[in-house]
Amino acid sequence: MRHFGHIAPEERQRLFHQEPGVFTAQSPARVLAAALGATLYSPATRPQLADDIVKQSGRGVISMVLCLEDSIDDAEVADAEENLVRQFTDLAGRPGAELPLLFVRVRAPEQIPDLVDRLGPAARLLSGFVLPKFTEERGVPFMEALTSAEAASGRRLFAMPVLESPGLLYLESRRETLEGISRTVDKYRERVLALRLGVTDFCSAYGLRRAPDMTAYDVQIVASVIADVVNVLGRSDGTGFTVTGPVWEYFRVQERMFKPQLRRSPFTPEAEDLRAALIEHDMDGLLREIALDRANGLMGKTCIHPSHVLPVHALSVVSHEEFSDAQDILRPERCGGGVLRSAYTNKMNEVKPHRAWAERTLQRAEVFGVANEDIGFVELLAAGLPA
């Protein structure tokens, strides 16, 4: 699989200075963590789930979560599990089908070995499990169940803990909760692919819901949690993990209070219709939040609608300017440090302080590619849209 693999090869050559790399579900964890991109959630109750998965893969989706938790009614769990096993068996019987990385979001630890056992040979399609409301107390049983299922199946299974518990939100318990989470994920480091943020649950604790012209970072109580999570769990010194961006809830036209946040300047006259469509579907707020995710140390994003996937991926491609700066900073002859003017002659590159940024940028370039010098996110967005 590869990002933008759903567009024609000649179009990729036009768009990319360095094309997105090819990877598989067996690739190293560091590659898969960077490659998750827009992780599309779907209720496990969908009757045509197997067809949906194949269709979304053909539209550029690289990772999906099939949900047995908050997206379905409590009374539907047993039926959803049966449907999940049936749909995986269907997928396993489709040789040659292009599939994304598939994860199951469970409610309780005992579901993990039970589902792996019931899936039988179809478990080979499973990349891992999403673990809700993760704390040290709740997380250890989940991780032990995952370890047991992995040993029984003989297949590598990853965990993606969701950080969304009230203990993480409340100021008086946040530090202790974060320290407990840190101990747990560090103990099971090889099995933790990424950490996901449950911002909807954070807002729920205070009866809040952000409007479509507000990002998660405009809700200060949420922004403070994101900052602390990245502070403790997202460090670039080798102790941190990939932390993914929060879900964007909107995909239909909403009444607006503020002006659109999407400037005209990146859009040529030919692309003005695209700009208007993005604004009409509240995508300008999504684009701004994706940019703020990156600025705050997050990579990838939880998505609940297929229309969100392409904007996340288009904004994940490394620009030619970023690539040029990162390469300059990481040149072997620069290992002693120093300051240099960027090749674009518009900024200072300070070798030692910018090294971690450069390493992360080249890691992103490995899976999302590097845009050609004259290509921006508008061209990437337009090229990825269905014909």
Protein backbone atom coordinates (compact mmCIF):
# COMPACT_ATOMS: atom_id res chain seq x y z
CA MET A 1 0.00 0.00 0.00
CA ARG A 2 1.05 3.62 -0.45
CA HIS A 3 -0.45 7.05 0.04
CA PHE A 4 -1.89 8.53 -3.16
CA GLY A 5 -1.63 5.07 -4.69
CA HIS A 6 -5.20 5.48 -5.96
CA ILE A 7 -4.17 8.14 -8.49
CA ALA A 8 -2.51 7.43 -11.83
CA PRO A 9 1.30 6.96 -11.88
CA GLU A 10 1.81 9.80 -14.36
CA GLU A 11 -0.17 12.13 -12.09
CA ARG A 12 1.98 11.15 -9.11
CA GLN A 13 5.09 11.97 -11.15
CA ARG A 14 3.68 15.43 -11.85
CA LEU A 15 2.87 16.05 -8.19
CA PHE A 16 5.83 14.56 -6.37
CA HIS A 17 9.53 15.32 -6.20
CA GLN A 18 9.78 12.11 -4.14
CA GLU A 19 6.80 9.79 -4.40
CA PRO A 20 5.22 8.26 -1.28
CA GLY A 21 6.93 5.03 -0.30
CA VAL A 22 5.39 1.57 -0.47
CA PHE A 23 4.80 -0.27 2.81
CA THR A 24 2.85 -3.28 4.08
CA ALA A 25 1.11 -4.32 7.28
CA GLN A 26 4.38 -6.08 8.17
CA SER A 27 6.52 -2.93 7.88
CA PRO A 28 8.39 -1.66 10.95
CA ALA A 29 6.24 0.02 13.60
CA ARG A 30 7.91 3.41 13.12
CA VAL A 31 6.88 3.36 9.43
CA LEU A 32 3.30 2.32 10.17
CA ALA A 33 2.92 4.91 12.94
CA ALA A 34 3.91 7.68 10.54
CA ALA A 35 1.78 6.22 7.73
CA LEU A 36 -1.54 5.96 9.61
CA GLY A 37 -2.68 9.31 8.22
CA ALA A 38 -6.43 9.82 8.38
CA THR A 39 -7.73 6.83 10.35
CA LEU A 40 -11.33 6.33 9.29
CA TYR A 41 -13.73 4.99 11.94
CA SER A 42 -16.74 2.86 11.02
CA PRO A 43 -19.35 1.15 13.22
CA ALA A 44 -18.86 -2.61 13.17
CA THR A 45 -22.63 -3.01 12.65
CA ARG A 46 -22.56 -1.95 8.99
CA PRO A 47 -24.10 -4.81 6.95
CA GLN A 48 -21.82 -4.20 3.93
CA LEU A 49 -18.69 -3.52 5.96
CA ALA A 50 -16.41 -5.66 3.77
CA ASP A 51 -17.51 -3.78 0.64
CA ASP A 52 -17.10 -0.46 2.46
CA ILE A 53 -13.53 -1.32 3.43
CA VAL A 54 -12.55 -2.26 -0.12
CA LYS A 55 -14.22 0.88 -1.50
CA GLN A 56 -12.49 3.22 0.94
CA SER A 57 -9.14 1.58 0.28
CA GLY A 58 -9.66 2.33 -3.40
CA ARG A 59 -10.19 5.99 -2.47
CA GLY A 60 -6.92 6.34 -0.60
CA VAL A 61 -7.77 5.24 2.96
CA ILE A 62 -4.74 3.59 4.58
CA SER A 63 -6.04 2.83 8.08
CA MET A 64 -9.51 2.02 9.44
CA VAL A 65 -10.97 1.33 12.88
CA LEU A 66 -14.03 -0.91 13.10
CA CYS A 67 -15.78 0.20 16.25
CA LEU A 68 -17.49 -1.94 18.88
CA GLU A 69 -17.55 0.85 21.44
CA ASP A 70 -19.15 4.32 21.49
CA SER A 71 -20.39 4.30 17.89
CA ILE A 72 -22.86 1.48 18.57
CA ASP A 73 -25.63 0.92 21.10
CA ASP A 74 -24.87 -1.23 24.13
CA ALA A 75 -27.52 -3.70 23.01
CA GLU A 76 -25.82 -4.14 19.62
CA VAL A 77 -22.44 -5.45 20.81
CA ALA A 78 -23.08 -9.17 20.33
CA ASP A 79 -24.55 -8.66 16.86
CA ALA A 80 -21.70 -6.31 15.95
CA GLU A 81 -19.12 -8.92 16.96
CA GLU A 82 -20.84 -11.54 14.83
CA ASN A 83 -21.00 -9.13 11.91
CA LEU A 84 -17.33 -8.29 12.33
CA VAL A 85 -16.29 -11.95 12.17
CA ARG A 86 -18.53 -12.51 9.14
CA GLN A 87 -17.16 -9.46 7.29
CA PHE A 88 -13.52 -10.37 8.01
CA THR A 89 -14.19 -13.88 6.72
CA ASP A 90 -15.66 -12.33 3.57
CA LEU A 91 -12.56 -10.14 3.11
CA ALA A 92 -10.23 -13.09 3.66
CA GLY A 93 -11.98 -14.83 0.76
CA ARG A 94 -11.18 -12.02 -1.67
CA PRO A 95 -7.66 -12.79 -2.94
CA GLY A 96 -5.84 -9.76 -4.26
CA ALA A 97 -8.15 -7.22 -2.61
CA GLU A 98 -6.32 -4.05 -1.57
CA LEU A 99 -7.01 -3.51 2.11
CA PRO A 100 -6.02 -0.80 4.58
CA LEU A 101 -4.54 -1.42 8.01
CA LEU A 102 -7.51 -2.71 10.04
CA PHE A 103 -8.01 -2.20 13.77
CA VAL A 104 -10.93 -3.10 16.04
CA ARG A 105 -12.01 -0.79 18.83
CA VAL A 106 -13.14 -2.96 21.73
CA ARG A 107 -14.91 -2.24 25.01
CA ALA A 108 -13.34 -4.79 27.36
CA PRO A 109 -10.05 -6.72 27.49
CA GLU A 110 -11.71 -10.13 27.17
CA GLN A 111 -13.02 -9.19 23.71
CA ILE A 112 -9.49 -9.22 22.29
CA PRO A 113 -8.58 -12.93 22.63
CA ASP A 114 -12.20 -13.91 21.99
CA LEU A 115 -12.36 -12.04 18.68
CA VAL A 116 -8.95 -13.26 17.53
CA ASP A 117 -10.03 -16.82 18.24
CA ARG A 118 -13.36 -16.39 16.45
CA LEU A 119 -11.70 -14.76 13.44
CA GLY A 120 -9.55 -17.84 12.90
CA PRO A 121 -7.49 -17.58 9.68
CA ALA A 122 -9.09 -14.19 8.92
CA ALA A 123 -7.15 -12.75 11.88
CA ARG A 124 -4.26 -12.31 9.43
CA LEU A 125 -6.08 -9.21 8.15
CA LEU A 126 -6.05 -7.62 11.60
CA SER A 127 -3.34 -5.09 12.53
CA GLY A 128 -4.44 -4.56 16.12
CA PHE A 129 -6.89 -3.07 18.57
CA VAL A 130 -7.94 0.38 19.73
CA LEU A 131 -8.19 0.52 23.53
CA PRO A 132 -10.71 3.04 24.94
CA LYS A 133 -10.45 5.22 28.05
CA PHE A 134 -6.88 4.10 28.61
CA THR A 135 -5.31 4.60 32.03
CA GLU A 136 -2.78 2.53 33.95
CA GLU A 137 -5.53 0.68 35.81
CA ARG A 138 -7.59 -0.03 32.70
CA GLY A 139 -4.66 -0.31 30.32
CA VAL A 140 -2.70 -3.15 31.89
CA PRO A 141 -5.53 -5.74 31.47
CA PHE A 142 -5.99 -4.59 27.85
CA MET A 143 -2.28 -4.95 27.10
CA GLU A 144 -2.08 -8.35 28.79
CA ALA A 145 -5.06 -9.53 26.73
CA LEU A 146 -3.38 -8.25 23.56
CA THR A 147 -0.14 -10.02 24.45
CA SER A 148 -2.03 -13.26 25.05
CA ALA A 149 -3.93 -12.98 21.75
CA GLU A 150 -0.73 -12.23 19.89
CA ALA A 151 0.97 -15.34 21.32
CA ALA A 152 -2.03 -17.54 20.55
CA SER A 153 -2.41 -16.30 16.96
CA GLY A 154 1.28 -16.08 16.12
CA ARG A 155 0.60 -12.69 14.54
CA ARG A 156 1.94 -9.27 15.47
CA LEU A 157 -0.86 -7.15 16.92
CA PHE A 158 -0.56 -3.47 17.77
CA ALA A 159 -2.38 -1.41 20.37
CA MET A 160 -3.63 2.13 19.89
CA PRO A 161 -4.69 3.40 23.34
CA VAL A 162 -7.24 6.21 23.40
CA LEU A 163 -6.51 8.91 25.99
CA GLU A 164 -9.95 10.19 26.98
CA SER A 165 -10.57 9.46 30.67
CA PRO A 166 -11.81 12.17 33.08
CA GLY A 167 -8.72 11.55 35.23
CA LEU A 168 -6.63 12.89 32.39
CA LEU A 169 -8.84 15.95 32.00
CA TYR A 170 -9.19 17.03 35.63
CA LEU A 171 -6.31 19.18 36.81
CA GLU A 172 -5.96 17.54 40.24
CA SER A 173 -5.49 14.04 38.76
CA ARG A 174 -3.87 14.80 35.39
CA ARG A 175 -0.24 14.43 36.41
CA GLU A 176 -0.76 11.14 38.22
CA THR A 177 -2.89 9.77 35.36
CA LEU A 178 -0.30 10.78 32.75
CA GLU A 179 2.51 9.20 34.76
CA GLY A 180 0.52 5.95 35.02
CA ILE A 181 -0.21 5.93 31.28
CA SER A 182 3.47 6.61 30.59
CA ARG A 183 4.56 3.66 32.74
CA THR A 184 2.09 1.34 31.02
CA VAL A 185 2.84 2.23 27.40
CA ASP A 186 6.57 2.21 28.10
CA LYS A 187 6.31 -1.32 29.53
CA TYR A 188 4.55 -2.49 26.36
CA ARG A 189 6.39 -0.13 24.00
CA GLU A 190 6.88 -2.67 21.20
CA ARG A 191 3.13 -3.20 20.93
CA VAL A 192 2.01 0.45 21.10
CA LEU A 193 1.72 1.85 17.58
CA ALA A 194 0.25 5.27 18.41
CA LEU A 195 -1.72 7.12 21.06
CA ARG A 196 -5.08 8.61 20.09
CA LEU A 197 -6.82 11.58 21.72
CA GLY A 198 -10.52 11.35 22.65
CA VAL A 199 -11.35 15.04 22.54
CA THR A 200 -15.11 14.42 22.28
CA ASP A 201 -15.00 12.75 25.70
CA PHE A 202 -12.96 15.66 27.10
CA CYS A 203 -15.61 18.12 25.93
CA SER A 204 -18.38 15.90 27.27
CA ALA A 205 -17.03 16.14 30.81
CA TYR A 206 -17.86 19.86 30.77
CA GLY A 207 -20.93 19.78 28.54
CA LEU A 208 -19.00 21.37 25.67
CA ARG A 209 -19.04 20.87 21.92
CA ARG A 210 -16.88 22.92 19.60
CA ALA A 211 -18.59 24.66 16.69
CA PRO A 212 -17.49 24.06 13.08
CA ASP A 213 -15.61 27.36 13.01
CA MET A 214 -13.69 26.44 16.19
CA THR A 215 -10.77 24.02 16.42
CA ALA A 216 -9.87 21.84 19.39
CA TYR A 217 -7.18 24.40 20.18
CA ASP A 218 -9.78 27.14 20.63
CA VAL A 219 -11.30 25.17 23.52
CA GLN A 220 -8.70 26.04 26.11
CA ILE A 221 -9.45 23.22 28.53
CA VAL A 222 -8.94 20.72 25.69
CA ALA A 223 -5.85 22.49 24.37
CA SER A 224 -4.25 22.27 27.81
CA VAL A 225 -4.73 18.48 27.88
CA ILE A 226 -3.27 18.08 24.39
CA ALA A 227 -0.25 20.13 25.44
CA ASP A 228 0.34 18.01 28.53
CA VAL A 229 -0.08 14.72 26.64
CA VAL A 230 2.49 15.79 24.05
CA ASN A 231 4.75 17.10 26.83
CA VAL A 232 4.86 13.73 28.59
CA LEU A 233 4.20 11.20 25.82
CA GLY A 234 5.22 12.86 22.55
CA ARG A 235 8.86 13.74 23.16
CA SER A 236 11.39 13.36 20.34
CA ASP A 237 14.19 12.04 22.56
CA GLY A 238 13.38 8.38 21.93
CA THR A 239 10.96 8.05 24.84
CA GLY A 240 7.91 9.42 23.04
CA PHE A 241 5.15 7.95 20.89
CA THR A 242 3.21 9.09 17.85
CA VAL A 243 0.18 11.04 19.12
CA THR A 244 -2.64 11.44 16.60
CA GLY A 245 -4.92 14.43 16.09
CA PRO A 246 -8.48 14.61 17.46
CA VAL A 247 -11.61 13.85 15.47
CA TRP A 248 -13.32 16.53 13.36
CA GLU A 249 -17.06 16.08 13.80
CA TYR A 250 -18.56 18.08 10.93
CA PHE A 251 -19.21 17.17 7.31
CA ARG A 252 -22.36 19.06 6.34
CA VAL A 253 -23.25 22.70 5.86
CA GLN A 254 -23.63 24.57 9.16
CA GLU A 255 -24.81 28.08 9.96
CA ARG A 256 -21.76 30.32 10.29
CA MET A 257 -20.99 33.01 12.83
CA PHE A 258 -17.48 33.88 11.58
CA LYS A 259 -15.89 34.41 8.20
CA PRO A 260 -14.44 31.38 6.37
CA GLN A 261 -10.87 30.61 7.47
CA LEU A 262 -9.62 29.53 4.03
CA ARG A 263 -7.72 32.27 2.24
CA ARG A 264 -8.06 32.83 -1.48
CA SER A 265 -4.31 33.19 -2.09
CA PRO A 266 -3.37 29.46 -2.42
CA PHE A 267 -6.23 28.89 -4.86
CA THR A 268 -5.79 29.76 -8.51
CA PRO A 269 -8.91 31.00 -10.35
CA GLU A 270 -9.33 27.47 -11.73
CA ALA A 271 -9.41 26.08 -8.17
CA GLU A 272 -11.90 28.61 -6.78
CA ASP A 273 -14.73 26.07 -7.10
CA LEU A 274 -12.71 23.72 -4.91
CA ARG A 275 -12.24 26.44 -2.31
CA ALA A 276 -15.99 27.18 -2.34
CA ALA A 277 -16.81 23.47 -1.92
CA LEU A 278 -14.42 23.14 1.02
CA ILE A 279 -15.99 26.11 2.76
CA GLU A 280 -19.51 24.88 2.01
CA HIS A 281 -18.76 21.57 3.74
CA ASP A 282 -17.00 23.18 6.72
CA MET A 283 -13.63 21.88 5.57
CA ASP A 284 -11.87 25.19 6.19
CA GLY A 285 -12.09 24.55 9.92
CA LEU A 286 -10.75 21.03 9.41
CA LEU A 287 -7.80 22.30 7.37
CA ARG A 288 -6.94 24.82 10.08
CA GLU A 289 -7.12 22.16 12.79
CA ILE A 290 -4.85 19.83 10.78
CA ALA A 291 -2.27 22.62 10.56
CA LEU A 292 -2.55 23.22 14.30
CA ASP A 293 -2.22 19.47 14.97
CA ARG A 294 1.13 19.54 13.19
CA ALA A 295 2.26 22.69 14.97
CA ASN A 296 1.47 21.04 18.32
CA GLY A 297 3.35 17.81 17.64
CA LEU A 298 0.51 15.53 16.47
CA MET A 299 0.63 13.29 13.41
CA GLY A 300 -2.36 11.80 11.59
CA LYS A 301 -5.98 12.27 12.61
CA THR A 302 -9.10 10.39 13.68
CA CYS A 303 -11.81 10.74 11.00
CA ILE A 304 -15.48 9.85 11.02
CA HIS A 305 -16.32 10.75 7.42
CA PRO A 306 -14.57 9.75 4.15
CA SER A 307 -14.50 13.38 2.98
CA HIS A 308 -11.98 14.17 5.74
CA VAL A 309 -9.37 11.70 4.55
CA LEU A 310 -7.96 13.51 1.53
CA PRO A 311 -7.46 16.89 3.30
CA VAL A 312 -5.50 15.12 6.06
CA HIS A 313 -3.30 13.34 3.52
CA ALA A 314 -2.82 16.38 1.30
CA LEU A 315 -1.58 18.40 4.26
CA SER A 316 0.67 15.54 5.38
CA VAL A 317 2.77 15.61 2.21
CA VAL A 318 6.13 17.27 2.86
CA SER A 319 6.61 20.46 0.86
CA HIS A 320 9.70 20.85 -1.31
CA GLU A 321 10.82 23.68 0.95
CA GLU A 322 10.48 21.60 4.14
CA PHE A 323 12.38 18.74 2.47
CA SER A 324 15.17 21.05 1.36
CA ASP A 325 15.55 22.48 4.87
CA ALA A 326 15.50 19.04 6.50
CA GLN A 327 18.13 17.67 4.14
CA ASP A 328 20.40 20.67 4.72
CA ILE A 329 20.09 20.34 8.51
CA LEU A 330 20.91 16.62 8.47
CA ARG A 331 23.93 16.73 6.16
CA PRO A 332 26.81 14.75 7.75
CA GLU A 333 29.14 17.71 7.53
CA ARG A 334 26.71 19.70 9.69
CA CYS A 335 26.89 17.32 12.66
CA GLY A 336 28.87 19.86 14.67
CA GLY A 337 26.01 22.36 14.57
CA GLY A 338 25.91 25.93 13.34
CA VAL A 339 23.47 28.18 11.54
CA LEU A 340 22.80 28.36 7.81
CA ARG A 341 20.48 30.24 5.52
CA SER A 342 17.82 28.06 3.93
CA ALA A 343 18.04 27.19 0.25
CA TYR A 344 14.84 29.21 -0.19
CA THR A 345 16.67 32.19 1.40
CA ASN A 346 13.70 32.98 3.66
CA LYS A 347 14.63 31.55 7.05
CA MET A 348 17.38 30.49 9.42
CA ASN A 349 18.13 26.80 9.89
CA GLU A 350 19.90 26.17 13.19
CA VAL A 351 21.33 22.67 12.95
CA LYS A 352 21.17 21.37 16.51
CA PRO A 353 17.78 22.80 17.63
CA HIS A 354 16.12 21.91 14.31
CA ARG A 355 17.56 18.38 14.03
CA ALA A 356 14.60 16.59 15.67
CA TRP A 357 12.19 18.50 13.42
CA ALA A 358 14.24 17.53 10.36
CA GLU A 359 14.30 13.85 11.34
CA ARG A 360 10.53 13.85 11.85
CA THR A 361 10.02 15.63 8.51
CA LEU A 362 12.06 13.04 6.60
CA GLN A 363 10.14 10.28 8.35
CA ARG A 364 6.91 11.86 7.09
CA ALA A 365 8.44 12.26 3.62
CA GLU A 366 9.18 8.53 3.56
CA VAL A 367 5.48 7.63 3.66
CA PHE A 368 3.68 10.73 2.32
CA GLY A 369 6.23 11.84 -0.24
CA VAL A 370 7.65 15.24 -1.13
CA ALA A 371 5.73 17.62 -3.37
CA ASN A 372 7.34 19.14 -6.43
CA GLU A 373 8.53 22.70 -6.04
CA ASP A 374 5.47 24.23 -7.70
CA ILE A 375 2.92 21.90 -6.04
CA GLY A 376 0.93 22.85 -2.94
CA PHE A 377 -1.84 21.22 -0.95
CA VAL A 378 -4.50 22.59 -3.34
CA GLU A 379 -3.06 20.62 -6.27
CA LEU A 380 -2.71 17.50 -4.08
CA LEU A 381 -6.27 17.89 -2.89
CA ALA A 382 -7.65 18.34 -6.39
CA ALA A 383 -5.68 15.41 -7.81
CA GLY A 384 -6.97 13.02 -5.17
CA LEU A 385 -10.66 13.83 -5.63
CA PRO A 386 -12.81 11.28 -7.49
CA ALA A 387 -13.03 12.03 -11.21
